[in-house]
Amino acid sequence: MIVKIVTIFLIAMIVLAMFGRLRWPGHAHRSARKPARPPKCRACGAPRIGTGPCPCGEK
């Protein structure tokens, strides 16, 4: 009896995993969406925060 319950549970998990992998039309996949990166200083390559000058002295 316990083997039957475990088997049904595993089959249900497999079915849920297959539905989770479906890609609905018009929706981007999670790995395809990348967050925007902040602009970097041309001189030193440090990320720019705000609109002021970079701490390295470059404008």
PDB file of N, CA and C in Angstrom:
ATOM      1  N   MET A   1       0.820  -1.186   0.000  1.00  0.00           N
ATOM      2  CA  MET A   1       0.000   0.000   0.000  1.00  0.00           C
ATOM      3  C   MET A   1       0.874   1.263   0.000  1.00  0.00           C
ATOM      4  N   ILE A   2       1.917   1.280   0.815  1.00  0.00           N
ATOM      5  CA  ILE A   2       2.782   2.458   0.893  1.00  0.00           C
ATOM      6  C   ILE A   2       3.527   2.673  -0.424  1.00  0.00           C
ATOM      7  N   VAL A   3       3.868   1.585  -1.113  1.00  0.00           N
ATOM      8  CA  VAL A   3       4.559   1.704  -2.402  1.00  0.00           C
ATOM      9  C   VAL A   3       3.640   2.355  -3.426  1.00  0.00           C
ATOM     10  N   LYS A   4       2.382   2.014  -3.375  1.00  0.00           N
ATOM     11  CA  LYS A   4       1.401   2.598  -4.291  1.00  0.00           C
ATOM     12  C   LYS A   4       1.257   4.099  -4.034  1.00  0.00           C
ATOM     13  N   ILE A   5       1.206   4.520  -2.792  1.00  0.00           N
ATOM     14  CA  ILE A   5       1.082   5.936  -2.443  1.00  0.00           C
ATOM     15  C   ILE A   5       2.317   6.710  -2.889  1.00  0.00           C
ATOM     16  N   VAL A   6       3.490   6.153  -2.656  1.00  0.00           N
ATOM     17  CA  VAL A   6       4.740   6.815  -3.065  1.00  0.00           C
ATOM     18  C   VAL A   6       4.810   6.938  -4.580  1.00  0.00           C
ATOM     19  N   THR A   7       4.404   5.896  -5.285  1.00  0.00           N
ATOM     20  CA  THR A   7       4.422   5.923  -6.753  1.00  0.00           C
ATOM     21  C   THR A   7       3.479   6.996  -7.288  1.00  0.00           C
ATOM     22  N   ILE A   8       2.277   7.080  -6.748  1.00  0.00           N
ATOM     23  CA  ILE A   8       1.323   8.096  -7.192  1.00  0.00           C
ATOM     24  C   ILE A   8       1.856   9.493  -6.886  1.00  0.00           C
ATOM     25  N   PHE A   9       2.486   9.672  -5.740  1.00  0.00           N
ATOM     26  CA  PHE A   9       3.076  10.966  -5.382  1.00  0.00           C
ATOM     27  C   PHE A   9       4.172  11.356  -6.371  1.00  0.00           C
ATOM     28  N   LEU A  10       5.039  10.418  -6.717  1.00  0.00           N
ATOM     29  CA  LEU A  10       6.124  10.723  -7.658  1.00  0.00           C
ATOM     30  C   LEU A  10       5.585  11.055  -9.049  1.00  0.00           C
ATOM     31  N   ILE A  11       4.561  10.330  -9.479  1.00  0.00           N
ATOM     32  CA  ILE A  11       3.958  10.626 -10.781  1.00  0.00           C
ATOM     33  C   ILE A  11       3.335  12.019 -10.766  1.00  0.00           C
ATOM     34  N   ALA A  12       2.685  12.384  -9.672  1.00  0.00           N
ATOM     35  CA  ALA A  12       2.101  13.720  -9.561  1.00  0.00           C
ATOM     36  C   ALA A  12       3.191  14.793  -9.604  1.00  0.00           C
ATOM     37  N   MET A  13       4.317  14.552  -8.968  1.00  0.00           N
ATOM     38  CA  MET A  13       5.429  15.520  -8.994  1.00  0.00           C
ATOM     39  C   MET A  13       5.987  15.666 -10.413  1.00  0.00           C
ATOM     40  N   ILE A  14       6.065  14.581 -11.145  1.00  0.00           N
ATOM     41  CA  ILE A  14       6.561  14.629 -12.525  1.00  0.00           C
ATOM     42  C   ILE A  14       5.601  15.431 -13.398  1.00  0.00           C
ATOM     43  N   VAL A  15       4.303  15.228 -13.229  1.00  0.00           N
ATOM     44  CA  VAL A  15       3.314  15.975 -14.008  1.00  0.00           C
ATOM     45  C   VAL A  15       3.396  17.468 -13.679  1.00  0.00           C
ATOM     46  N   LEU A  16       3.525  17.814 -12.407  1.00  0.00           N
ATOM     47  CA  LEU A  16       3.655  19.226 -12.029  1.00  0.00           C
ATOM     48  C   LEU A  16       4.926  19.843 -12.594  1.00  0.00           C
ATOM     49  N   ALA A  17       6.010  19.083 -12.625  1.00  0.00           N
ATOM     50  CA  ALA A  17       7.262  19.598 -13.187  1.00  0.00           C
ATOM     51  C   ALA A  17       7.126  19.853 -14.682  1.00  0.00           C
ATOM     52  N   MET A  18       6.406  18.996 -15.383  1.00  0.00           N
ATOM     53  CA  MET A  18       6.210  19.201 -16.826  1.00  0.00           C
ATOM     54  C   MET A  18       5.370  20.451 -17.080  1.00  0.00           C
ATOM     55  N   PHE A  19       4.321  20.667 -16.267  1.00  0.00           N
ATOM     56  CA  PHE A  19       3.523  21.886 -16.423  1.00  0.00           C
ATOM     57  C   PHE A  19       4.334  23.127 -16.072  1.00  0.00           C
ATOM     58  N   GLY A  20       5.241  23.032 -15.132  1.00  0.00           N
ATOM     59  CA  GLY A  20       6.072  24.163 -14.748  1.00  0.00           C
ATOM     60  C   GLY A  20       7.066  24.555 -15.813  1.00  0.00           C
ATOM     61  N   ARG A  21       7.431  23.615 -16.677  1.00  0.00           N
ATOM     62  CA  ARG A  21       8.399  23.908 -17.736  1.00  0.00           C
ATOM     63  C   ARG A  21       7.752  24.447 -18.997  1.00  0.00           C
ATOM     64  N   LEU A  22       6.428  24.469 -19.048  1.00  0.00           N
ATOM     65  CA  LEU A  22       5.754  24.999 -20.232  1.00  0.00           C
ATOM     66  C   LEU A  22       6.067  26.476 -20.394  1.00  0.00           C
ATOM     67  N   ARG A  23       6.235  26.874 -21.613  1.00  0.00           N
ATOM     68  CA  ARG A  23       6.446  28.297 -21.894  1.00  0.00           C
ATOM     69  C   ARG A  23       5.192  28.816 -22.561  1.00  0.00           C
ATOM     70  N   TRP A  24       4.531  29.742 -21.892  1.00  0.00           N
ATOM     71  CA  TRP A  24       3.304  30.287 -22.440  1.00  0.00           C
ATOM     72  C   TRP A  24       3.641  31.300 -23.518  1.00  0.00           C
ATOM     73  N   PRO A  25       2.894  31.349 -24.604  1.00  0.00           N
ATOM     74  CA  PRO A  25       3.166  32.322 -25.675  1.00  0.00           C
ATOM     75  C   PRO A  25       3.061  33.751 -25.162  1.00  0.00           C
ATOM     76  N   GLY A  26       4.009  34.578 -25.533  1.00  0.00           N
ATOM     77  CA  GLY A  26       3.986  35.979 -25.139  1.00  0.00           C
ATOM     78  C   GLY A  26       4.684  36.280 -23.832  1.00  0.00           C
ATOM     79  N   HIS A  27       5.138  35.275 -23.108  1.00  0.00           N
ATOM     80  CA  HIS A  27       5.837  35.503 -21.849  1.00  0.00           C
ATOM     81  C   HIS A  27       7.309  35.140 -22.019  1.00  0.00           C
ATOM     82  N   ALA A  28       8.171  36.006 -21.540  1.00  0.00           N
ATOM     83  CA  ALA A  28       9.606  35.729 -21.608  1.00  0.00           C
ATOM     84  C   ALA A  28       9.977  34.726 -20.511  1.00  0.00           C
ATOM     85  N   HIS A  29      10.940  33.909 -20.813  1.00  0.00           N
ATOM     86  CA  HIS A  29      11.424  32.938 -19.837  1.00  0.00           C
ATOM     87  C   HIS A  29      12.205  33.666 -18.757  1.00  0.00           C
ATOM     88  N   ARG A  30      12.212  33.146 -17.543  1.00  0.00           N
ATOM     89  CA  ARG A  30      12.877  33.831 -16.433  1.00  0.00           C
ATOM     90  C   ARG A  30      14.351  34.076 -16.689  1.00  0.00           C
ATOM     91  N   SER A  31      15.037  33.138 -17.308  1.00  0.00           N
ATOM     92  CA  SER A  31      16.466  33.321 -17.540  1.00  0.00           C
ATOM     93  C   SER A  31      16.729  34.307 -18.675  1.00  0.00           C
ATOM     94  N   ALA A  32      15.716  34.588 -19.516  1.00  0.00           N
ATOM     95  CA  ALA A  32      15.898  35.513 -20.628  1.00  0.00           C
ATOM     96  C   ALA A  32      15.869  36.963 -20.152  1.00  0.00           C
ATOM     97  N   ARG A  33      15.189  37.214 -19.038  1.00  0.00           N
ATOM     98  CA  ARG A  33      15.123  38.576 -18.511  1.00  0.00           C
ATOM     99  C   ARG A  33      16.351  38.864 -17.671  1.00  0.00           C
ATOM    100  N   LYS A  34      17.077  39.909 -18.033  1.00  0.00           N
ATOM    101  CA  LYS A  34      18.262  40.281 -17.270  1.00  0.00           C
ATOM    102  C   LYS A  34      18.063  41.690 -16.715  1.00  0.00           C
ATOM    103  N   PRO A  35      18.452  41.919 -15.481  1.00  0.00           N
ATOM    104  CA  PRO A  35      18.302  43.265 -14.932  1.00  0.00           C
ATOM    105  C   PRO A  35      19.251  44.251 -15.616  1.00  0.00           C
ATOM    106  N   ALA A  36      18.825  45.496 -15.690  1.00  0.00           N
ATOM    107  CA  ALA A  36      19.649  46.526 -16.322  1.00  0.00           C
ATOM    108  C   ALA A  36      20.882  46.798 -15.457  1.00  0.00           C
ATOM    109  N   ARG A  37      22.023  46.907 -16.099  1.00  0.00           N
ATOM    110  CA  ARG A  37      23.263  47.189 -15.362  1.00  0.00           C
ATOM    111  C   ARG A  37      23.478  48.693 -15.291  1.00  0.00           C
ATOM    112  N   PRO A  38      24.031  49.172 -14.177  1.00  0.00           N
ATOM    113  CA  PRO A  38      24.280  50.612 -14.081  1.00  0.00           C
ATOM    114  C   PRO A  38      25.412  51.012 -15.028  1.00  0.00           C
ATOM    115  N   PRO A  39      25.385  52.264 -15.520  1.00  0.00           N
ATOM    116  CA  PRO A  39      26.465  52.712 -16.397  1.00  0.00           C
ATOM    117  C   PRO A  39      27.806  52.719 -15.661  1.00  0.00           C
ATOM    118  N   LYS A  40      28.877  52.533 -16.410  1.00  0.00           N
ATOM    119  CA  LYS A  40      30.209  52.504 -15.802  1.00  0.00           C
ATOM    120  C   LYS A  40      31.045  53.684 -16.266  1.00  0.00           C
ATOM    121  N   CYS A  41      31.993  54.055 -15.426  1.00  0.00           N
ATOM    122  CA  CYS A  41      32.920  55.135 -15.749  1.00  0.00           C
ATOM    123  C   CYS A  41      33.816  54.673 -16.892  1.00  0.00           C
ATOM    124  N   ARG A  42      34.055  55.575 -17.855  1.00  0.00           N
ATOM    125  CA  ARG A  42      34.902  55.213 -18.990  1.00  0.00           C
ATOM    126  C   ARG A  42      36.368  55.091 -18.595  1.00  0.00           C
ATOM    127  N   ALA A  43      36.773  55.830 -17.575  1.00  0.00           N
ATOM    128  CA  ALA A  43      38.186  55.847 -17.193  1.00  0.00           C
ATOM    129  C   ALA A  43      38.568  54.660 -16.306  1.00  0.00           C
ATOM    130  N   CYS A  44      37.782  54.430 -15.228  1.00  0.00           N
ATOM    131  CA  CYS A  44      38.194  53.404 -14.264  1.00  0.00           C
ATOM    132  C   CYS A  44      37.313  52.155 -14.282  1.00  0.00           C
ATOM    133  N   GLY A  45      36.124  52.220 -14.900  1.00  0.00           N
ATOM    134  CA  GLY A  45      35.241  51.057 -14.981  1.00  0.00           C
ATOM    135  C   GLY A  45      34.360  50.850 -13.769  1.00  0.00           C
ATOM    136  N   ALA A  46      34.382  51.797 -12.811  1.00  0.00           N
ATOM    137  CA  ALA A  46      33.543  51.675 -11.624  1.00  0.00           C
ATOM    138  C   ALA A  46      32.095  51.997 -11.982  1.00  0.00           C
ATOM    139  N   PRO A  47      31.128  51.349 -11.324  1.00  0.00           N
ATOM    140  CA  PRO A  47      29.726  51.671 -11.607  1.00  0.00           C
ATOM    141  C   PRO A  47      29.413  53.109 -11.212  1.00  0.00           C
ATOM    142  N   ARG A  48      28.673  53.807 -12.077  1.00  0.00           N
ATOM    143  CA  ARG A  48      28.293  55.199 -11.816  1.00  0.00           C
ATOM    144  C   ARG A  48      26.977  55.219 -11.066  1.00  0.00           C
ATOM    145  N   ILE A  49      26.922  55.944  -9.964  1.00  0.00           N
ATOM    146  CA  ILE A  49      25.708  56.105  -9.184  1.00  0.00           C
ATOM    147  C   ILE A  49      25.366  57.582  -9.186  1.00  0.00           C
ATOM    148  N   GLY A  50      24.211  57.930  -9.718  1.00  0.00           N
ATOM    149  CA  GLY A  50      23.799  59.323  -9.786  1.00  0.00           C
ATOM    150  C   GLY A  50      24.382  60.010 -11.004  1.00  0.00           C
ATOM    151  N   THR A  51      24.329  61.351 -10.995  1.00  0.00           N
ATOM    152  CA  THR A  51      24.775  62.109 -12.155  1.00  0.00           C
ATOM    153  C   THR A  51      26.062  62.877 -11.881  1.00  0.00           C
ATOM    154  N   GLY A  52      26.592  62.795 -10.692  1.00  0.00           N
ATOM    155  CA  GLY A  52      27.799  63.544 -10.360  1.00  0.00           C
ATOM    156  C   GLY A  52      29.039  62.912 -10.963  1.00  0.00           C
ATOM    157  N   PRO A  53      30.199  63.569 -10.762  1.00  0.00           N
ATOM    158  CA  PRO A  53      31.440  63.054 -11.332  1.00  0.00           C
ATOM    159  C   PRO A  53      31.876  61.771 -10.600  1.00  0.00           C
ATOM    160  N   CYS A  54      32.699  61.002 -11.277  1.00  0.00           N
ATOM    161  CA  CYS A  54      33.228  59.768 -10.696  1.00  0.00           C
ATOM    162  C   CYS A  54      34.306  60.106  -9.658  1.00  0.00           C
ATOM    163  N   PRO A  55      34.442  59.334  -8.608  1.00  0.00           N
ATOM    164  CA  PRO A  55      35.474  59.599  -7.599  1.00  0.00           C
ATOM    165  C   PRO A  55      36.904  59.558  -8.147  1.00  0.00           C
ATOM    166  N   CYS A  56      37.093  58.932  -9.306  1.00  0.00           N
ATOM    167  CA  CYS A  56      38.451  58.881  -9.874  1.00  0.00           C
ATOM    168  C   CYS A  56      38.863  60.207 -10.493  1.00  0.00           C
ATOM    169  N   GLY A  57      37.904  61.142 -10.627  1.00  0.00           N
ATOM    170  CA  GLY A  57      38.240  62.464 -11.158  1.00  0.00           C
ATOM    171  C   GLY A  57      37.780  62.667 -12.581  1.00  0.00           C
ATOM    172  N   GLU A  58      37.408  61.643 -13.282  1.00  0.00           N
ATOM    173  CA  GLU A  58      36.942  61.762 -14.665  1.00  0.00           C
ATOM    174  C   GLU A  58      35.492  62.248 -14.656  1.00  0.00           C
ATOM    175  N   LYS A  59      35.105  63.067 -15.634  1.00  0.00           N
ATOM    176  CA  LYS A  59      33.729  63.579 -15.699  1.00  0.00           C
ATOM    177  C   LYS A  59      32.852  62.631 -16.451  1.00  0.00           C
TER     178      LYS A  59
END
